[in-house]
Amino acid sequence: MAIIKHHQVVSSNVQSAGYDDDSKTLEVTFKNGAKYSYSGVPRVMYEGIFKSDSPGGFVQRWIVRGKYKNSKQ
């Protein structure tokens, strides 16, 4: 798997997020240090994190509780 570049997120819960277009993999690093990888995520969901008024809420609602397979890094 390619190394995914992360971008900082302005959030009380999410520290950064990164996305790989080829594998449709989203990585999210939380402020508590936990890092998760989510597979099969459309790019629009990654972009939604940065467009949302509440990035942490967006991640919880649409990514964490979504249908995406995840693994802890």
Protein backbone atom coordinates (compact mmCIF):
# COMPACT_ATOMS: atom_id res chain seq x y z
CA MET A 1 0.00 0.00 0.00
CA ALA A 2 1.20 3.49 -0.81
CA ILE A 3 2.06 5.96 1.90
CA ILE A 4 -0.90 8.29 2.29
CA LYS A 5 -0.17 11.98 2.89
CA HIS A 6 -2.29 13.43 5.70
CA HIS A 7 -3.69 16.93 5.99
CA GLN A 8 -4.47 18.61 9.29
CA VAL A 9 -8.14 18.91 10.23
CA VAL A 10 -9.56 21.72 12.37
CA SER A 11 -11.49 19.58 14.84
CA SER A 12 -11.61 18.75 18.52
CA ASN A 13 -11.60 15.01 17.74
CA VAL A 14 -9.80 14.48 14.42
CA GLN A 15 -6.15 15.42 13.99
CA SER A 16 -5.61 14.61 10.32
CA ALA A 17 -6.94 12.71 7.33
CA GLY A 18 -5.45 11.38 4.13
CA TYR A 19 -6.77 9.66 1.04
CA ASP A 20 -5.44 7.39 -1.69
CA ASP A 21 -7.39 7.61 -4.96
CA ASP A 22 -6.05 4.36 -6.41
CA SER A 23 -7.16 2.15 -3.52
CA LYS A 24 -10.02 4.39 -2.29
CA THR A 25 -8.50 4.23 1.17
CA LEU A 26 -9.15 6.89 3.79
CA GLU A 27 -6.87 7.19 6.81
CA VAL A 28 -7.96 9.16 9.85
CA THR A 29 -5.79 10.01 12.84
CA PHE A 30 -7.71 11.01 15.94
CA LYS A 31 -6.48 13.41 18.62
CA ASN A 32 -6.21 10.49 21.08
CA GLY A 33 -3.51 9.00 18.83
CA ALA A 34 -5.63 6.25 17.28
CA LYS A 35 -5.20 5.83 13.52
CA TYR A 36 -7.73 3.98 11.35
CA SER A 37 -7.78 3.00 7.72
CA TYR A 38 -11.14 2.74 5.91
CA SER A 39 -11.44 0.95 2.57
CA GLY A 40 -13.81 1.55 -0.33
CA VAL A 41 -14.42 5.18 0.59
CA PRO A 42 -15.43 7.51 -2.28
CA ARG A 43 -13.27 10.63 -2.62
CA VAL A 44 -16.33 12.83 -2.00
CA MET A 45 -16.48 11.46 1.57
CA TYR A 46 -12.84 12.46 2.18
CA GLU A 47 -13.51 15.93 0.79
CA GLY A 48 -16.61 16.17 2.99
CA ILE A 49 -14.44 16.04 6.11
CA PHE A 50 -12.79 19.34 5.17
CA LYS A 51 -16.01 21.01 3.97
CA SER A 52 -18.05 20.15 7.05
CA ASP A 53 -18.75 22.62 9.85
CA SER A 54 -18.01 19.71 12.22
CA PRO A 55 -15.29 17.47 10.75
CA GLY A 56 -15.29 15.17 13.78
CA GLY A 57 -19.06 14.79 13.61
CA PHE A 58 -18.85 14.08 9.88
CA VAL A 59 -16.26 11.37 10.43
CA GLN A 60 -18.32 9.77 13.21
CA ARG A 61 -21.60 9.84 11.30
CA TRP A 62 -20.51 9.02 7.75
CA ILE A 63 -17.22 7.14 8.12
CA VAL A 64 -17.03 5.41 11.52
CA ARG A 65 -20.72 4.45 11.58
CA GLY A 66 -20.81 3.98 7.81
CA LYS A 67 -20.46 0.80 5.86
CA TYR A 68 -16.71 1.02 5.35
CA LYS A 69 -14.43 -1.80 6.40
CA ASN A 70 -11.78 -0.48 8.76
CA SER A 71 -8.61 -1.53 10.49
CA LYS A 72 -6.66 0.09 13.30
CA GLN A 73 -3.12 1.05 12.32
